Amino acid sequence: MELPSKILQEAVDQLATLPGVGKRSALRYALHLLKEDELKVRDLSEALLRLKTDLHHCRHCHNVSDTEVCPICASEKRQRGIVCVVENVQDVMALENTQQYRGLYHVLGGVISPIDGIGVHDLEIDSLLHRVQSGDPAPVEEVILALPTTMEGDTTNYYLSRQLRPLGVKITTLARGVAVGDSLEYADEITLGRSIAHRIPFEG
């Protein structure tokens, strides 16, 4: 689409790089921002920039955090011997919304997917194994594999179970209240809550 301004075109091109945003939506957003007060646009741009400059990943679980250690890992009220392994930050949010889980998390940052070029060393697997072996920040008694019920998720579950079993830790997975092929972030809170509460031993 030909636009009358190179500046507008650049803004549209950048907005269109966001997931789910096409050129028409990007143009609509750009024109909306053009009509907004300059201070509002500046606040938006600064908030986006701070995502890259000030946001941290927790050094224990790799969840996003404003501090080096996230509030969940820092809380003494959590069941520190249970670690729930999830694909991404959205899954942490989804499980927290159920209010059924009081343990800790470990965010892998994806699942094993050779077709997408994602291998074992692209994920936070070594840090999970180190966490279980070292007991840092707390001794781990149970690891819950809460990855997507997809072929890639099952492959990752299987790989993790093979690595974790020699460490003598209990391995469980979500009850199949979560439909096969679903991502956790799209599951309703009741189903997700029951899945975490009635988790079952992982048979890898």
N, C-alpha and C. Protein backbone atom coordinates (compact mmCIF):
# COMPACT_ATOMS: atom_id res chain seq x y z
N MET A 1 0.84 -1.18 0.00
CA MET A 1 0.00 0.00 0.00
C MET A 1 0.88 1.24 0.00
N GLU A 2 0.58 2.17 -0.94
CA GLU A 2 1.36 3.39 -1.08
C GLU A 2 0.82 4.44 -0.11
N LEU A 3 1.71 5.01 0.72
CA LEU A 3 1.32 6.04 1.67
C LEU A 3 1.96 7.36 1.29
N PRO A 4 1.32 8.48 1.65
CA PRO A 4 1.82 9.78 1.23
C PRO A 4 3.02 10.28 2.03
N SER A 5 3.42 9.54 3.07
CA SER A 5 4.50 9.99 3.94
C SER A 5 5.46 8.86 4.24
N LYS A 6 6.76 9.11 4.09
CA LYS A 6 7.75 8.09 4.43
C LYS A 6 7.78 7.83 5.93
N ILE A 7 7.54 8.88 6.72
CA ILE A 7 7.51 8.72 8.18
C ILE A 7 6.35 7.83 8.59
N LEU A 8 5.17 8.07 8.00
CA LEU A 8 4.01 7.23 8.28
C LEU A 8 4.26 5.80 7.81
N GLN A 9 4.89 5.65 6.65
CA GLN A 9 5.19 4.32 6.12
C GLN A 9 6.11 3.55 7.06
N GLU A 10 7.11 4.23 7.61
CA GLU A 10 8.03 3.57 8.53
C GLU A 10 7.32 3.11 9.79
N ALA A 11 6.42 3.96 10.31
CA ALA A 11 5.65 3.59 11.51
C ALA A 11 4.76 2.38 11.23
N VAL A 12 4.12 2.38 10.07
CA VAL A 12 3.25 1.26 9.69
C VAL A 12 4.07 -0.02 9.53
N ASP A 13 5.22 0.08 8.89
CA ASP A 13 6.07 -1.10 8.70
C ASP A 13 6.51 -1.69 10.03
N GLN A 14 6.84 -0.83 11.00
CA GLN A 14 7.27 -1.32 12.31
C GLN A 14 6.11 -1.96 13.07
N LEU A 15 4.95 -1.33 13.05
CA LEU A 15 3.77 -1.88 13.74
C LEU A 15 3.35 -3.21 13.12
N ALA A 16 3.52 -3.34 11.82
CA ALA A 16 3.11 -4.56 11.11
C ALA A 16 4.00 -5.74 11.45
N THR A 17 5.14 -5.51 12.10
CA THR A 17 6.00 -6.63 12.51
C THR A 17 5.47 -7.32 13.76
N LEU A 18 4.49 -6.72 14.44
CA LEU A 18 3.92 -7.33 15.65
C LEU A 18 3.05 -8.52 15.27
N PRO A 19 2.99 -9.56 16.13
CA PRO A 19 2.18 -10.74 15.82
C PRO A 19 0.70 -10.38 15.64
N GLY A 20 0.11 -10.88 14.58
CA GLY A 20 -1.32 -10.68 14.35
C GLY A 20 -1.70 -9.30 13.82
N VAL A 21 -0.71 -8.47 13.52
CA VAL A 21 -1.00 -7.12 13.02
C VAL A 21 -0.65 -7.06 11.53
N GLY A 22 -1.66 -6.89 10.71
CA GLY A 22 -1.44 -6.73 9.28
C GLY A 22 -1.23 -5.27 8.92
N LYS A 23 -1.02 -5.01 7.64
CA LYS A 23 -0.74 -3.64 7.19
C LYS A 23 -1.92 -2.70 7.46
N ARG A 24 -3.13 -3.18 7.27
CA ARG A 24 -4.30 -2.31 7.48
C ARG A 24 -4.46 -1.96 8.96
N SER A 25 -4.29 -2.95 9.82
CA SER A 25 -4.37 -2.69 11.26
C SER A 25 -3.24 -1.76 11.69
N ALA A 26 -2.05 -1.98 11.15
CA ALA A 26 -0.90 -1.14 11.48
C ALA A 26 -1.16 0.31 11.08
N LEU A 27 -1.76 0.51 9.92
CA LEU A 27 -2.09 1.86 9.47
C LEU A 27 -3.10 2.51 10.41
N ARG A 28 -4.10 1.72 10.83
CA ARG A 28 -5.11 2.25 11.75
C ARG A 28 -4.48 2.67 13.08
N TYR A 29 -3.57 1.84 13.61
CA TYR A 29 -2.88 2.18 14.85
C TYR A 29 -2.02 3.44 14.68
N ALA A 30 -1.31 3.52 13.56
CA ALA A 30 -0.43 4.66 13.32
C ALA A 30 -1.23 5.96 13.23
N LEU A 31 -2.35 5.93 12.52
CA LEU A 31 -3.19 7.12 12.39
C LEU A 31 -3.82 7.50 13.72
N HIS A 32 -4.14 6.49 14.53
CA HIS A 32 -4.67 6.76 15.87
C HIS A 32 -3.62 7.48 16.72
N LEU A 33 -2.39 6.96 16.68
CA LEU A 33 -1.31 7.59 17.45
C LEU A 33 -1.02 9.00 16.96
N LEU A 34 -1.18 9.20 15.68
CA LEU A 34 -0.96 10.53 15.11
C LEU A 34 -1.92 11.56 15.70
N LYS A 35 -3.14 11.13 16.01
CA LYS A 35 -4.14 12.04 16.57
C LYS A 35 -4.00 12.21 18.08
N GLU A 36 -3.25 11.31 18.73
CA GLU A 36 -3.10 11.37 20.19
C GLU A 36 -2.19 12.52 20.62
N ASP A 37 -2.34 12.91 21.88
CA ASP A 37 -1.46 13.91 22.47
C ASP A 37 -0.02 13.40 22.47
N GLU A 38 0.94 14.28 22.21
CA GLU A 38 2.35 13.89 22.11
C GLU A 38 2.83 13.20 23.40
N LEU A 39 2.36 13.67 24.56
CA LEU A 39 2.79 13.09 25.83
C LEU A 39 2.34 11.63 25.95
N LYS A 40 1.14 11.33 25.48
CA LYS A 40 0.65 9.95 25.52
C LYS A 40 1.49 9.04 24.64
N VAL A 41 1.84 9.53 23.46
CA VAL A 41 2.67 8.74 22.54
C VAL A 41 4.06 8.54 23.13
N ARG A 42 4.59 9.58 23.77
CA ARG A 42 5.91 9.48 24.40
C ARG A 42 5.88 8.45 25.54
N ASP A 43 4.81 8.46 26.35
CA ASP A 43 4.66 7.49 27.45
C ASP A 43 4.62 6.07 26.89
N LEU A 44 3.90 5.90 25.78
CA LEU A 44 3.82 4.58 25.15
C LEU A 44 5.19 4.12 24.67
N SER A 45 5.91 4.99 23.98
CA SER A 45 7.22 4.61 23.45
C SER A 45 8.20 4.31 24.58
N GLU A 46 8.14 5.07 25.68
CA GLU A 46 9.03 4.84 26.81
C GLU A 46 8.70 3.52 27.52
N ALA A 47 7.41 3.21 27.63
CA ALA A 47 7.01 1.95 28.26
C ALA A 47 7.49 0.76 27.43
N LEU A 48 7.42 0.88 26.10
CA LEU A 48 7.89 -0.19 25.23
C LEU A 48 9.41 -0.33 25.31
N LEU A 49 10.11 0.80 25.38
CA LEU A 49 11.57 0.75 25.47
C LEU A 49 12.02 0.11 26.78
N ARG A 50 11.27 0.38 27.86
CA ARG A 50 11.63 -0.19 29.16
C ARG A 50 11.49 -1.71 29.18
N LEU A 51 10.66 -2.26 28.30
CA LEU A 51 10.57 -3.72 28.19
C LEU A 51 11.93 -4.32 27.89
N LYS A 52 12.73 -3.61 27.09
CA LYS A 52 14.04 -4.11 26.72
C LYS A 52 15.15 -3.67 27.67
N THR A 53 15.00 -2.50 28.28
CA THR A 53 16.09 -1.97 29.09
C THR A 53 15.97 -2.31 30.57
N ASP A 54 14.74 -2.41 31.10
CA ASP A 54 14.56 -2.54 32.55
C ASP A 54 13.94 -3.86 32.99
N LEU A 55 13.33 -4.60 32.08
CA LEU A 55 12.68 -5.85 32.47
C LEU A 55 13.72 -6.96 32.57
N HIS A 56 13.61 -7.80 33.60
CA HIS A 56 14.55 -8.89 33.82
C HIS A 56 13.87 -10.23 33.59
N HIS A 57 14.69 -11.27 33.47
CA HIS A 57 14.21 -12.64 33.59
C HIS A 57 14.76 -13.19 34.90
N CYS A 58 13.87 -13.74 35.71
CA CYS A 58 14.26 -14.27 37.01
C CYS A 58 15.42 -15.25 36.86
N ARG A 59 16.44 -15.12 37.69
CA ARG A 59 17.62 -15.98 37.55
C ARG A 59 17.36 -17.41 38.00
N HIS A 60 16.23 -17.64 38.67
CA HIS A 60 15.88 -19.00 39.07
C HIS A 60 14.94 -19.68 38.07
N CYS A 61 13.83 -19.00 37.74
CA CYS A 61 12.78 -19.65 36.95
C CYS A 61 12.64 -19.11 35.53
N HIS A 62 13.27 -17.96 35.24
CA HIS A 62 13.23 -17.33 33.90
C HIS A 62 11.89 -16.68 33.58
N ASN A 63 11.05 -16.49 34.59
CA ASN A 63 9.84 -15.69 34.41
C ASN A 63 10.24 -14.23 34.30
N VAL A 64 9.39 -13.39 33.70
CA VAL A 64 9.71 -11.96 33.64
C VAL A 64 9.52 -11.35 35.02
N SER A 65 10.34 -10.34 35.30
CA SER A 65 10.32 -9.74 36.63
C SER A 65 10.95 -8.36 36.57
N ASP A 66 10.55 -7.50 37.51
CA ASP A 66 11.19 -6.19 37.63
C ASP A 66 12.49 -6.28 38.42
N THR A 67 12.71 -7.42 39.07
CA THR A 67 13.90 -7.62 39.89
C THR A 67 14.63 -8.88 39.46
N GLU A 68 15.83 -9.09 40.00
CA GLU A 68 16.65 -10.23 39.60
C GLU A 68 15.97 -11.56 39.95
N VAL A 69 15.25 -11.59 41.07
CA VAL A 69 14.48 -12.77 41.47
C VAL A 69 13.01 -12.37 41.49
N CYS A 70 12.16 -13.13 40.81
CA CYS A 70 10.74 -12.75 40.69
C CYS A 70 10.01 -12.93 42.03
N PRO A 71 8.88 -12.27 42.22
CA PRO A 71 8.13 -12.38 43.48
C PRO A 71 7.71 -13.80 43.83
N ILE A 72 7.46 -14.64 42.83
CA ILE A 72 7.05 -16.03 43.12
C ILE A 72 8.21 -16.79 43.73
N CYS A 73 9.39 -16.70 43.12
CA CYS A 73 10.56 -17.40 43.65
C CYS A 73 10.99 -16.84 45.00
N ALA A 74 10.74 -15.56 45.22
CA ALA A 74 11.16 -14.91 46.46
C ALA A 74 10.20 -15.19 47.62
N SER A 75 8.99 -15.63 47.31
CA SER A 75 7.97 -15.81 48.35
C SER A 75 8.23 -17.05 49.20
N GLU A 76 8.19 -16.87 50.51
CA GLU A 76 8.35 -17.99 51.44
C GLU A 76 7.04 -18.74 51.62
N LYS A 77 5.95 -18.23 51.06
CA LYS A 77 4.64 -18.86 51.19
C LYS A 77 4.40 -19.94 50.13
N ARG A 78 5.30 -20.03 49.14
CA ARG A 78 5.13 -21.02 48.08
C ARG A 78 5.67 -22.37 48.54
N GLN A 79 5.16 -23.45 47.91
CA GLN A 79 5.69 -24.80 48.15
C GLN A 79 6.97 -24.93 47.33
N ARG A 80 8.09 -24.74 47.98
CA ARG A 80 9.35 -24.56 47.27
C ARG A 80 9.94 -25.87 46.76
N GLY A 81 9.39 -27.00 47.17
CA GLY A 81 9.88 -28.28 46.71
C GLY A 81 9.22 -28.76 45.42
N ILE A 82 8.25 -28.00 44.91
CA ILE A 82 7.53 -28.37 43.69
C ILE A 82 7.83 -27.35 42.60
N VAL A 83 8.27 -27.84 41.45
CA VAL A 83 8.58 -26.95 40.32
C VAL A 83 7.74 -27.36 39.12
N CYS A 84 6.98 -26.42 38.60
CA CYS A 84 6.13 -26.66 37.43
C CYS A 84 6.83 -26.13 36.18
N VAL A 85 7.12 -27.01 35.24
CA VAL A 85 7.82 -26.65 34.01
C VAL A 85 6.80 -26.24 32.94
N VAL A 86 6.93 -25.02 32.44
CA VAL A 86 6.00 -24.51 31.43
C VAL A 86 6.77 -24.00 30.22
N GLU A 87 6.04 -23.81 29.14
CA GLU A 87 6.66 -23.37 27.89
C GLU A 87 7.06 -21.91 27.92
N ASN A 88 6.15 -21.05 28.41
CA ASN A 88 6.40 -19.61 28.32
C ASN A 88 5.78 -18.85 29.49
N VAL A 89 5.99 -17.56 29.48
CA VAL A 89 5.52 -16.69 30.56
C VAL A 89 3.99 -16.66 30.62
N GLN A 90 3.34 -16.73 29.46
CA GLN A 90 1.88 -16.73 29.44
C GLN A 90 1.31 -17.91 30.21
N ASP A 91 2.01 -19.05 30.19
CA ASP A 91 1.54 -20.24 30.90
C ASP A 91 1.63 -20.04 32.41
N VAL A 92 2.66 -19.32 32.87
CA VAL A 92 2.74 -18.99 34.30
C VAL A 92 1.52 -18.17 34.70
N MET A 93 1.19 -17.18 33.89
CA MET A 93 0.04 -16.32 34.18
C MET A 93 -1.26 -17.12 34.21
N ALA A 94 -1.39 -18.05 33.24
CA ALA A 94 -2.60 -18.87 33.16
C ALA A 94 -2.75 -19.74 34.41
N LEU A 95 -1.68 -20.38 34.86
CA LEU A 95 -1.74 -21.23 36.04
C LEU A 95 -1.95 -20.41 37.30
N GLU A 96 -1.34 -19.25 37.40
CA GLU A 96 -1.54 -18.40 38.56
C GLU A 96 -2.99 -17.95 38.68
N ASN A 97 -3.64 -17.72 37.53
CA ASN A 97 -5.03 -17.29 37.54
C ASN A 97 -5.99 -18.34 38.09
N THR A 98 -5.56 -19.61 38.09
CA THR A 98 -6.43 -20.67 38.63
C THR A 98 -6.45 -20.64 40.15
N GLN A 99 -5.42 -20.07 40.76
CA GLN A 99 -5.27 -20.03 42.23
C GLN A 99 -5.28 -21.44 42.83
N GLN A 100 -4.87 -22.43 42.05
CA GLN A 100 -4.83 -23.82 42.50
C GLN A 100 -3.41 -24.31 42.76
N TYR A 101 -2.43 -23.54 42.33
CA TYR A 101 -1.05 -24.01 42.40
C TYR A 101 -0.23 -23.07 43.26
N ARG A 102 0.52 -23.63 44.22
CA ARG A 102 1.28 -22.80 45.14
C ARG A 102 2.77 -23.13 45.12
N GLY A 103 3.23 -23.87 44.12
CA GLY A 103 4.65 -24.18 44.00
C GLY A 103 5.39 -23.13 43.21
N LEU A 104 6.57 -23.50 42.72
CA LEU A 104 7.40 -22.61 41.91
C LEU A 104 7.29 -23.01 40.44
N TYR A 105 7.95 -22.25 39.57
CA TYR A 105 7.89 -22.49 38.13
C TYR A 105 9.29 -22.60 37.54
N HIS A 106 9.31 -23.12 36.31
CA HIS A 106 10.53 -23.05 35.48
C HIS A 106 10.06 -22.85 34.05
N VAL A 107 10.40 -21.71 33.47
CA VAL A 107 9.98 -21.35 32.11
C VAL A 107 11.06 -21.80 31.13
N LEU A 108 10.70 -22.74 30.25
CA LEU A 108 11.68 -23.26 29.28
C LEU A 108 11.99 -22.26 28.16
N GLY A 109 11.01 -21.45 27.82
CA GLY A 109 11.21 -20.52 26.70
C GLY A 109 10.88 -21.14 25.36
N GLY A 110 10.12 -22.24 25.37
CA GLY A 110 9.72 -22.92 24.13
C GLY A 110 9.68 -24.41 24.35
N VAL A 111 9.50 -25.14 23.26
CA VAL A 111 9.53 -26.60 23.28
C VAL A 111 10.42 -27.09 22.14
N ILE A 112 10.89 -28.31 22.25
CA ILE A 112 11.76 -28.87 21.22
C ILE A 112 10.97 -29.00 19.91
N SER A 113 11.47 -28.36 18.87
CA SER A 113 10.78 -28.37 17.58
C SER A 113 11.80 -28.27 16.46
N PRO A 114 12.32 -29.41 16.01
CA PRO A 114 13.35 -29.40 14.94
C PRO A 114 12.90 -28.66 13.69
N ILE A 115 11.61 -28.75 13.36
CA ILE A 115 11.13 -28.11 12.13
C ILE A 115 11.24 -26.58 12.23
N ASP A 116 11.21 -26.06 13.47
CA ASP A 116 11.37 -24.62 13.68
C ASP A 116 12.80 -24.26 14.09
N GLY A 117 13.67 -25.25 14.07
CA GLY A 117 15.05 -25.00 14.43
C GLY A 117 15.29 -24.82 15.92
N ILE A 118 14.38 -25.32 16.75
CA ILE A 118 14.52 -25.19 18.20
C ILE A 118 14.96 -26.53 18.78
N GLY A 119 16.18 -26.55 19.32
CA GLY A 119 16.73 -27.76 19.90
C GLY A 119 16.86 -27.65 21.40
N VAL A 120 17.43 -28.68 21.98
CA VAL A 120 17.58 -28.77 23.43
C VAL A 120 18.35 -27.57 23.99
N HIS A 121 19.41 -27.16 23.29
CA HIS A 121 20.28 -26.10 23.81
C HIS A 121 19.71 -24.71 23.60
N ASP A 122 18.56 -24.61 22.93
CA ASP A 122 17.89 -23.32 22.77
C ASP A 122 16.94 -23.04 23.92
N LEU A 123 16.73 -24.03 24.78
CA LEU A 123 15.77 -23.93 25.87
C LEU A 123 16.48 -23.93 27.22
N GLU A 124 15.75 -23.55 28.27
CA GLU A 124 16.31 -23.49 29.62
C GLU A 124 16.24 -24.86 30.29
N ILE A 125 16.81 -25.87 29.61
CA ILE A 125 16.80 -27.23 30.14
C ILE A 125 17.98 -27.47 31.07
N ASP A 126 19.16 -27.01 30.68
CA ASP A 126 20.34 -27.19 31.54
C ASP A 126 20.14 -26.53 32.89
N SER A 127 19.52 -25.35 32.89
CA SER A 127 19.30 -24.65 34.17
C SER A 127 18.29 -25.39 35.03
N LEU A 128 17.32 -26.08 34.39
CA LEU A 128 16.36 -26.90 35.15
C LEU A 128 17.07 -28.07 35.81
N LEU A 129 17.91 -28.77 35.04
CA LEU A 129 18.63 -29.91 35.58
C LEU A 129 19.58 -29.48 36.70
N HIS A 130 20.23 -28.34 36.51
CA HIS A 130 21.11 -27.81 37.56
C HIS A 130 20.31 -27.49 38.82
N ARG A 131 19.13 -26.93 38.61
CA ARG A 131 18.26 -26.56 39.74
C ARG A 131 17.88 -27.78 40.56
N VAL A 132 17.56 -28.88 39.88
CA VAL A 132 17.18 -30.11 40.56
C VAL A 132 18.39 -30.74 41.25
N GLN A 133 19.52 -30.74 40.56
CA GLN A 133 20.73 -31.35 41.11
C GLN A 133 21.28 -30.58 42.32
N SER A 134 21.27 -29.25 42.22
CA SER A 134 21.90 -28.43 43.25
C SER A 134 20.99 -28.08 44.41
N GLY A 135 19.66 -28.16 44.16
CA GLY A 135 18.73 -27.73 45.20
C GLY A 135 18.73 -26.23 45.41
N ASP A 136 19.13 -25.48 44.40
CA ASP A 136 19.17 -24.02 44.47
C ASP A 136 18.06 -23.44 43.59
N PRO A 137 17.12 -22.65 44.14
CA PRO A 137 17.15 -22.02 45.45
C PRO A 137 16.57 -22.87 46.58
N ALA A 138 15.99 -24.05 46.26
CA ALA A 138 15.44 -24.92 47.29
C ALA A 138 15.47 -26.35 46.77
N PRO A 139 15.59 -27.35 47.65
CA PRO A 139 15.56 -28.75 47.20
C PRO A 139 14.26 -29.06 46.46
N VAL A 140 14.38 -29.75 45.33
CA VAL A 140 13.21 -30.06 44.49
C VAL A 140 12.79 -31.50 44.73
N GLU A 141 11.53 -31.68 45.11
CA GLU A 141 10.98 -33.01 45.36
C GLU A 141 10.13 -33.51 44.20
N GLU A 142 9.48 -32.57 43.51
CA GLU A 142 8.57 -32.94 42.41
C GLU A 142 8.71 -31.95 41.27
N VAL A 143 8.75 -32.48 40.05
CA VAL A 143 8.72 -31.65 38.84
C VAL A 143 7.45 -31.97 38.08
N ILE A 144 6.64 -30.94 37.86
CA ILE A 144 5.40 -31.09 37.09
C ILE A 144 5.67 -30.66 35.66
N LEU A 145 5.46 -31.56 34.70
CA LEU A 145 5.63 -31.24 33.29
C LEU A 145 4.30 -30.70 32.76
N ALA A 146 4.22 -29.39 32.58
CA ALA A 146 2.97 -28.74 32.18
C ALA A 146 3.15 -28.08 30.81
N LEU A 147 3.63 -28.86 29.87
CA LEU A 147 3.86 -28.36 28.51
C LEU A 147 2.64 -28.61 27.63
N PRO A 148 2.55 -27.96 26.47
CA PRO A 148 1.38 -28.14 25.60
C PRO A 148 1.18 -29.60 25.21
N THR A 149 -0.08 -29.98 25.03
CA THR A 149 -0.40 -31.35 24.63
C THR A 149 -0.34 -31.48 23.12
N THR A 150 0.84 -31.15 22.58
CA THR A 150 1.11 -31.24 21.15
C THR A 150 2.26 -32.23 20.96
N MET A 151 2.56 -32.56 19.71
CA MET A 151 3.66 -33.47 19.43
C MET A 151 4.97 -32.90 19.97
N GLU A 152 5.18 -31.58 19.78
CA GLU A 152 6.39 -30.94 20.27
C GLU A 152 6.44 -30.94 21.79
N GLY A 153 5.28 -30.67 22.41
CA GLY A 153 5.23 -30.68 23.87
C GLY A 153 5.50 -32.06 24.44
N ASP A 154 4.91 -33.09 23.81
CA ASP A 154 5.12 -34.47 24.26
C ASP A 154 6.58 -34.88 24.06
N THR A 155 7.19 -34.46 22.95
CA THR A 155 8.60 -34.77 22.71
C THR A 155 9.47 -34.15 23.80
N THR A 156 9.16 -32.92 24.17
CA THR A 156 9.93 -32.24 25.21
C THR A 156 9.71 -32.90 26.56
N ASN A 157 8.45 -33.28 26.85
CA ASN A 157 8.15 -34.00 28.09
C ASN A 157 8.99 -35.28 28.18
N TYR A 158 9.03 -36.02 27.09
CA TYR A 158 9.76 -37.28 27.07
C TYR A 158 11.24 -37.05 27.31
N TYR A 159 11.80 -36.05 26.63
CA TYR A 159 13.23 -35.75 26.80
C TYR A 159 13.52 -35.34 28.25
N LEU A 160 12.69 -34.47 28.81
CA LEU A 160 12.91 -34.02 30.18
C LEU A 160 12.81 -35.18 31.17
N SER A 161 11.82 -36.05 30.94
CA SER A 161 11.66 -37.19 31.87
C SER A 161 12.89 -38.08 31.86
N ARG A 162 13.48 -38.28 30.68
CA ARG A 162 14.69 -39.12 30.58
C ARG A 162 15.87 -38.48 31.31
N GLN A 163 15.93 -37.15 31.30
CA GLN A 163 17.01 -36.45 31.98
C GLN A 163 16.79 -36.37 33.49
N LEU A 164 15.53 -36.30 33.90
CA LEU A 164 15.21 -36.09 35.31
C LEU A 164 15.18 -37.37 36.14
N ARG A 165 14.79 -38.49 35.51
CA ARG A 165 14.63 -39.74 36.28
C ARG A 165 15.88 -40.14 37.05
N PRO A 166 17.08 -40.07 36.46
CA PRO A 166 18.28 -40.46 37.22
C PRO A 166 18.54 -39.57 38.45
N LEU A 167 17.88 -38.41 38.52
CA LEU A 167 18.10 -37.49 39.62
C LEU A 167 17.22 -37.81 40.82
N GLY A 168 16.33 -38.80 40.66
CA GLY A 168 15.52 -39.27 41.78
C GLY A 168 14.38 -38.36 42.17
N VAL A 169 13.98 -37.46 41.29
CA VAL A 169 12.89 -36.55 41.60
C VAL A 169 11.57 -37.13 41.09
N LYS A 170 10.48 -36.86 41.80
CA LYS A 170 9.15 -37.30 41.36
C LYS A 170 8.75 -36.49 40.13
N ILE A 171 8.24 -37.17 39.09
CA ILE A 171 7.84 -36.50 37.86
C ILE A 171 6.35 -36.71 37.64
N THR A 172 5.60 -35.61 37.53
CA THR A 172 4.17 -35.70 37.26
C THR A 172 3.84 -34.84 36.05
N THR A 173 2.63 -35.00 35.54
CA THR A 173 2.17 -34.17 34.43
C THR A 173 0.72 -33.79 34.68
N LEU A 174 0.22 -32.83 33.93
CA LEU A 174 -1.16 -32.39 34.11
C LEU A 174 -2.13 -33.51 33.76
N ALA A 175 -3.21 -33.62 34.52
CA ALA A 175 -4.29 -34.52 34.13
C ALA A 175 -4.83 -34.05 32.79
N ARG A 176 -5.33 -34.96 31.99
CA ARG A 176 -5.71 -34.59 30.62
C ARG A 176 -7.05 -33.88 30.55
N GLY A 177 -7.31 -33.03 31.52
CA GLY A 177 -8.44 -32.13 31.41
C GLY A 177 -8.16 -31.07 30.35
N VAL A 178 -6.88 -30.86 30.08
CA VAL A 178 -6.48 -29.95 29.01
C VAL A 178 -6.50 -30.73 27.71
N ALA A 179 -7.27 -30.25 26.75
CA ALA A 179 -7.46 -30.98 25.50
C ALA A 179 -6.17 -31.11 24.73
N VAL A 180 -6.01 -32.23 24.03
CA VAL A 180 -4.84 -32.45 23.19
C VAL A 180 -4.79 -31.37 22.11
N GLY A 181 -3.63 -30.75 21.95
CA GLY A 181 -3.45 -29.71 20.96
C GLY A 181 -3.68 -28.31 21.47
N ASP A 182 -4.16 -28.17 22.73
CA ASP A 182 -4.43 -26.85 23.29
C ASP A 182 -3.20 -26.27 23.97
N SER A 183 -3.10 -24.95 23.94
CA SER A 183 -2.11 -24.24 24.73
C SER A 183 -2.74 -23.85 26.06
N LEU A 184 -1.94 -23.78 27.13
CA LEU A 184 -2.48 -23.49 28.45
C LEU A 184 -3.16 -22.13 28.51
N GLU A 185 -2.61 -21.15 27.78
CA GLU A 185 -3.15 -19.80 27.88
C GLU A 185 -4.59 -19.71 27.35
N TYR A 186 -5.04 -20.71 26.56
CA TYR A 186 -6.39 -20.67 26.02
C TYR A 186 -7.36 -21.58 26.78
N ALA A 187 -6.85 -22.33 27.77
CA ALA A 187 -7.71 -23.20 28.55
C ALA A 187 -8.48 -22.37 29.58
N ASP A 188 -9.74 -22.76 29.87
CA ASP A 188 -10.48 -22.04 30.88
C ASP A 188 -9.91 -22.34 32.26
N GLU A 189 -10.13 -21.43 33.21
CA GLU A 189 -9.46 -21.51 34.50
C GLU A 189 -9.91 -22.72 35.32
N ILE A 190 -11.17 -23.14 35.20
CA ILE A 190 -11.66 -24.30 35.96
C ILE A 190 -10.97 -25.57 35.48
N THR A 191 -10.94 -25.76 34.16
CA THR A 191 -10.28 -26.94 33.59
C THR A 191 -8.80 -26.96 33.95
N LEU A 192 -8.16 -25.81 33.81
CA LEU A 192 -6.73 -25.72 34.09
C LEU A 192 -6.45 -25.96 35.57
N GLY A 193 -7.32 -25.41 36.42
CA GLY A 193 -7.17 -25.61 37.86
C GLY A 193 -7.30 -27.07 38.26
N ARG A 194 -8.27 -27.76 37.68
CA ARG A 194 -8.44 -29.19 37.96
C ARG A 194 -7.27 -30.00 37.44
N SER A 195 -6.73 -29.59 36.30
CA SER A 195 -5.61 -30.32 35.72
C SER A 195 -4.38 -30.26 36.62
N ILE A 196 -4.12 -29.09 37.20
CA ILE A 196 -2.95 -28.95 38.05
C ILE A 196 -3.18 -29.61 39.41
N ALA A 197 -4.42 -29.54 39.90
CA ALA A 197 -4.73 -30.11 41.21
C ALA A 197 -4.72 -31.64 41.17
N HIS A 198 -5.12 -32.22 40.02
CA HIS A 198 -5.22 -33.68 39.89
C HIS A 198 -4.17 -34.21 38.92
N ARG A 199 -2.98 -33.66 39.02
CA ARG A 199 -1.89 -34.11 38.15
C ARG A 199 -1.57 -35.59 38.41
N ILE A 200 -0.99 -36.23 37.42
CA ILE A 200 -0.75 -37.67 37.47
C ILE A 200 0.71 -37.96 37.20
N PRO A 201 1.22 -39.14 37.58
CA PRO A 201 2.61 -39.49 37.28
C PRO A 201 2.85 -39.48 35.78
N PHE A 202 4.02 -39.01 35.38
CA PHE A 202 4.37 -38.96 33.96
C PHE A 202 4.91 -40.29 33.53
N GLU A 203 4.32 -40.86 32.48
CA GLU A 203 4.76 -42.14 31.94
C GLU A 203 5.52 -41.89 30.65
N GLY A 204 6.81 -41.72 30.74
CA GLY A 204 7.59 -41.38 29.56
C GLY A 204 8.21 -42.61 28.92
